[in-house]
Amino acid sequence: MAKVIMYSKDPCPYCVAAKRFMAARGIEFEEIDLTGKQDEIDQIKAKTGWQTVPIILINDQLIGGFNDLKALESEGKLEDLLK
């Protein structure tokens, strides 16, 4: 199974939606909560080039945010990435 990491913060409706999406599909993931950790947020944004949360990585590859995750599933590509 692929290693899925999601960087999130609170409040973030897209983070909640991404968690529900993955839970509903049985996708195991590690959540890293960056609430109140602006330095860490700035570091992960600089590292990935992604400017909003959630920041979702599969096997250290940037997927993007919630809408990108949904798009991968719609395109039939998500399952292959999770293998």
N, C-alpha and C. Protein backbone atom coordinates (compact mmCIF):
# COMPACT_ATOMS: atom_id res chain seq x y z
N MET A 1 0.84 -1.18 0.00
CA MET A 1 0.00 0.00 0.00
C MET A 1 0.88 1.24 0.00
N ALA A 2 0.45 2.25 -0.71
CA ALA A 2 1.20 3.49 -0.81
C ALA A 2 1.17 4.25 0.51
N LYS A 3 2.18 5.10 0.69
CA LYS A 3 2.22 5.95 1.87
C LYS A 3 1.55 7.28 1.52
N VAL A 4 0.47 7.58 2.23
CA VAL A 4 -0.30 8.80 1.97
C VAL A 4 -0.14 9.72 3.18
N ILE A 5 0.26 10.96 2.89
CA ILE A 5 0.41 11.97 3.94
C ILE A 5 -0.45 13.16 3.56
N MET A 6 -1.18 13.68 4.55
CA MET A 6 -1.97 14.88 4.33
C MET A 6 -1.61 15.91 5.38
N TYR A 7 -1.16 17.06 4.92
CA TYR A 7 -0.90 18.19 5.81
C TYR A 7 -2.20 18.99 5.88
N SER A 8 -2.62 19.31 7.10
CA SER A 8 -3.88 20.01 7.28
C SER A 8 -3.74 21.07 8.36
N LYS A 9 -4.80 21.86 8.51
CA LYS A 9 -4.91 22.77 9.65
C LYS A 9 -6.39 22.98 9.92
N ASP A 10 -6.68 23.60 11.03
CA ASP A 10 -8.06 23.82 11.45
C ASP A 10 -8.27 25.31 11.64
N PRO A 11 -9.32 25.90 11.12
CA PRO A 11 -10.39 25.28 10.36
C PRO A 11 -10.01 25.16 8.89
N CYS A 12 -10.51 24.11 8.25
CA CYS A 12 -10.24 23.87 6.83
C CYS A 12 -11.28 22.89 6.31
N PRO A 13 -12.34 23.39 5.67
CA PRO A 13 -13.38 22.48 5.17
C PRO A 13 -12.86 21.50 4.12
N TYR A 14 -11.85 21.90 3.35
CA TYR A 14 -11.30 20.98 2.34
C TYR A 14 -10.50 19.86 3.01
N CYS A 15 -9.88 20.16 4.14
CA CYS A 15 -9.18 19.11 4.90
C CYS A 15 -10.17 18.08 5.43
N VAL A 16 -11.27 18.56 5.97
CA VAL A 16 -12.32 17.68 6.48
C VAL A 16 -12.88 16.82 5.33
N ALA A 17 -13.12 17.45 4.20
CA ALA A 17 -13.65 16.72 3.05
C ALA A 17 -12.67 15.66 2.57
N ALA A 18 -11.38 15.98 2.55
CA ALA A 18 -10.36 15.02 2.11
C ALA A 18 -10.29 13.84 3.08
N LYS A 19 -10.37 14.12 4.38
CA LYS A 19 -10.35 13.04 5.37
C LYS A 19 -11.55 12.11 5.18
N ARG A 20 -12.72 12.69 4.98
CA ARG A 20 -13.93 11.88 4.78
C ARG A 20 -13.83 11.07 3.49
N PHE A 21 -13.33 11.69 2.44
CA PHE A 21 -13.16 11.02 1.15
C PHE A 21 -12.27 9.79 1.30
N MET A 22 -11.12 9.96 1.96
CA MET A 22 -10.19 8.84 2.11
C MET A 22 -10.75 7.78 3.05
N ALA A 23 -11.38 8.20 4.14
CA ALA A 23 -11.95 7.24 5.09
C ALA A 23 -13.04 6.41 4.42
N ALA A 24 -13.86 7.04 3.60
CA ALA A 24 -14.96 6.33 2.94
C ALA A 24 -14.44 5.28 1.96
N ARG A 25 -13.21 5.46 1.49
CA ARG A 25 -12.63 4.54 0.52
C ARG A 25 -11.61 3.60 1.14
N GLY A 26 -11.47 3.68 2.45
CA GLY A 26 -10.54 2.80 3.14
C GLY A 26 -9.08 3.13 2.87
N ILE A 27 -8.80 4.36 2.51
CA ILE A 27 -7.43 4.78 2.23
C ILE A 27 -6.77 5.18 3.55
N GLU A 28 -5.73 4.46 3.92
CA GLU A 28 -5.00 4.79 5.15
C GLU A 28 -4.07 5.96 4.86
N PHE A 29 -4.05 6.92 5.78
CA PHE A 29 -3.19 8.09 5.59
C PHE A 29 -2.70 8.60 6.93
N GLU A 30 -1.59 9.31 6.87
CA GLU A 30 -1.06 9.99 8.05
C GLU A 30 -1.42 11.46 7.92
N GLU A 31 -2.04 12.00 8.96
CA GLU A 31 -2.38 13.42 8.95
C GLU A 31 -1.38 14.17 9.81
N ILE A 32 -0.85 15.23 9.25
CA ILE A 32 0.06 16.10 9.99
C ILE A 32 -0.65 17.43 10.15
N ASP A 33 -1.07 17.71 11.38
CA ASP A 33 -1.84 18.91 11.69
C ASP A 33 -0.88 20.08 11.90
N LEU A 34 -1.02 21.10 11.06
CA LEU A 34 -0.14 22.27 11.13
C LEU A 34 -0.84 23.48 11.75
N THR A 35 -1.95 23.25 12.44
CA THR A 35 -2.68 24.34 13.07
C THR A 35 -1.75 25.09 14.03
N GLY A 36 -1.63 26.40 13.83
CA GLY A 36 -0.81 27.23 14.71
C GLY A 36 0.69 27.07 14.52
N LYS A 37 1.10 26.41 13.44
CA LYS A 37 2.52 26.16 13.19
C LYS A 37 2.93 26.82 11.88
N GLN A 38 2.90 28.15 11.86
CA GLN A 38 3.13 28.88 10.62
C GLN A 38 4.49 28.59 10.00
N ASP A 39 5.52 28.42 10.82
CA ASP A 39 6.85 28.11 10.27
C ASP A 39 6.83 26.79 9.49
N GLU A 40 6.16 25.78 10.06
CA GLU A 40 6.07 24.48 9.38
C GLU A 40 5.22 24.58 8.12
N ILE A 41 4.15 25.37 8.18
CA ILE A 41 3.32 25.59 6.99
C ILE A 41 4.15 26.21 5.88
N ASP A 42 4.92 27.24 6.23
CA ASP A 42 5.77 27.91 5.24
C ASP A 42 6.79 26.95 4.65
N GLN A 43 7.35 26.07 5.49
CA GLN A 43 8.35 25.11 5.01
C GLN A 43 7.75 24.11 4.03
N ILE A 44 6.60 23.55 4.35
CA ILE A 44 6.01 22.54 3.46
C ILE A 44 5.52 23.20 2.17
N LYS A 45 5.03 24.43 2.26
CA LYS A 45 4.63 25.15 1.04
C LYS A 45 5.83 25.39 0.14
N ALA A 46 6.95 25.78 0.74
CA ALA A 46 8.17 26.01 -0.04
C ALA A 46 8.68 24.71 -0.65
N LYS A 47 8.61 23.64 0.12
CA LYS A 47 9.10 22.34 -0.35
C LYS A 47 8.26 21.79 -1.50
N THR A 48 6.93 21.91 -1.40
CA THR A 48 6.05 21.31 -2.39
C THR A 48 5.64 22.28 -3.49
N GLY A 49 5.68 23.58 -3.20
CA GLY A 49 5.19 24.56 -4.16
C GLY A 49 3.68 24.72 -4.12
N TRP A 50 3.02 24.01 -3.19
CA TRP A 50 1.56 24.07 -3.05
C TRP A 50 1.23 25.09 -1.98
N GLN A 51 0.28 25.99 -2.25
CA GLN A 51 0.05 27.13 -1.38
C GLN A 51 -1.17 27.02 -0.47
N THR A 52 -1.96 25.97 -0.60
CA THR A 52 -3.16 25.84 0.24
C THR A 52 -3.16 24.47 0.91
N VAL A 53 -3.98 24.34 1.97
CA VAL A 53 -4.16 23.05 2.61
C VAL A 53 -5.53 22.51 2.21
N PRO A 54 -5.71 21.21 2.15
CA PRO A 54 -4.71 20.21 2.49
C PRO A 54 -3.64 20.10 1.41
N ILE A 55 -2.49 19.61 1.83
CA ILE A 55 -1.42 19.25 0.91
C ILE A 55 -1.32 17.73 1.01
N ILE A 56 -1.63 17.05 -0.08
CA ILE A 56 -1.69 15.59 -0.08
C ILE A 56 -0.54 15.02 -0.91
N LEU A 57 0.19 14.10 -0.29
CA LEU A 57 1.30 13.42 -0.95
C LEU A 57 1.02 11.93 -0.97
N ILE A 58 1.32 11.28 -2.09
CA ILE A 58 1.26 9.83 -2.17
C ILE A 58 2.66 9.37 -2.58
N ASN A 59 3.28 8.57 -1.71
CA ASN A 59 4.66 8.12 -1.92
C ASN A 59 5.58 9.30 -2.24
N ASP A 60 5.46 10.36 -1.44
CA ASP A 60 6.27 11.58 -1.56
C ASP A 60 6.03 12.35 -2.85
N GLN A 61 5.01 12.00 -3.61
CA GLN A 61 4.66 12.74 -4.82
C GLN A 61 3.49 13.66 -4.50
N LEU A 62 3.63 14.94 -4.82
CA LEU A 62 2.56 15.89 -4.57
C LEU A 62 1.35 15.55 -5.44
N ILE A 63 0.21 15.37 -4.79
CA ILE A 63 -1.05 15.15 -5.48
C ILE A 63 -1.78 16.47 -5.62
N GLY A 64 -1.68 17.30 -4.59
CA GLY A 64 -2.37 18.59 -4.56
C GLY A 64 -3.32 18.63 -3.38
N GLY A 65 -4.49 19.17 -3.62
CA GLY A 65 -5.49 19.29 -2.56
C GLY A 65 -6.65 18.34 -2.77
N PHE A 66 -7.75 18.64 -2.09
CA PHE A 66 -8.93 17.77 -2.13
C PHE A 66 -9.48 17.61 -3.54
N ASN A 67 -9.64 18.73 -4.27
CA ASN A 67 -10.20 18.64 -5.62
C ASN A 67 -9.31 17.82 -6.55
N ASP A 68 -8.00 17.90 -6.35
CA ASP A 68 -7.07 17.12 -7.16
C ASP A 68 -7.20 15.62 -6.84
N LEU A 69 -7.41 15.32 -5.58
CA LEU A 69 -7.61 13.93 -5.16
C LEU A 69 -8.87 13.36 -5.81
N LYS A 70 -9.96 14.14 -5.77
CA LYS A 70 -11.22 13.71 -6.40
C LYS A 70 -11.05 13.54 -7.90
N ALA A 71 -10.31 14.44 -8.53
CA ALA A 71 -10.09 14.37 -9.97
C ALA A 71 -9.33 13.10 -10.35
N LEU A 72 -8.34 12.74 -9.54
CA LEU A 72 -7.59 11.51 -9.81
C LEU A 72 -8.51 10.30 -9.78
N GLU A 73 -9.44 10.28 -8.81
CA GLU A 73 -10.37 9.16 -8.75
C GLU A 73 -11.29 9.17 -9.96
N SER A 74 -11.80 10.33 -10.34
CA SER A 74 -12.69 10.44 -11.49
C SER A 74 -12.02 9.97 -12.78
N GLU A 75 -10.71 10.24 -12.88
CA GLU A 75 -9.94 9.86 -14.06
C GLU A 75 -9.48 8.41 -14.01
N GLY A 76 -9.76 7.71 -12.90
CA GLY A 76 -9.35 6.32 -12.76
C GLY A 76 -7.88 6.14 -12.46
N LYS A 77 -7.22 7.18 -11.98
CA LYS A 77 -5.78 7.12 -11.73
C LYS A 77 -5.41 6.92 -10.26
N LEU A 78 -6.35 7.18 -9.37
CA LEU A 78 -6.04 7.13 -7.93
C LEU A 78 -5.66 5.73 -7.49
N GLU A 79 -6.40 4.73 -7.92
CA GLU A 79 -6.14 3.37 -7.48
C GLU A 79 -4.72 2.92 -7.83
N ASP A 80 -4.26 3.26 -9.03
CA ASP A 80 -2.89 2.89 -9.42
C ASP A 80 -1.85 3.55 -8.53
N LEU A 81 -2.09 4.80 -8.17
CA LEU A 81 -1.14 5.51 -7.30
C LEU A 81 -1.08 4.90 -5.91
N LEU A 82 -2.18 4.31 -5.48
CA LEU A 82 -2.25 3.76 -4.13
C LEU A 82 -1.68 2.35 -4.03
N LYS A 83 -1.32 1.74 -5.13
CA LYS A 83 -0.77 0.37 -5.11
C LYS A 83 0.66 0.36 -4.65
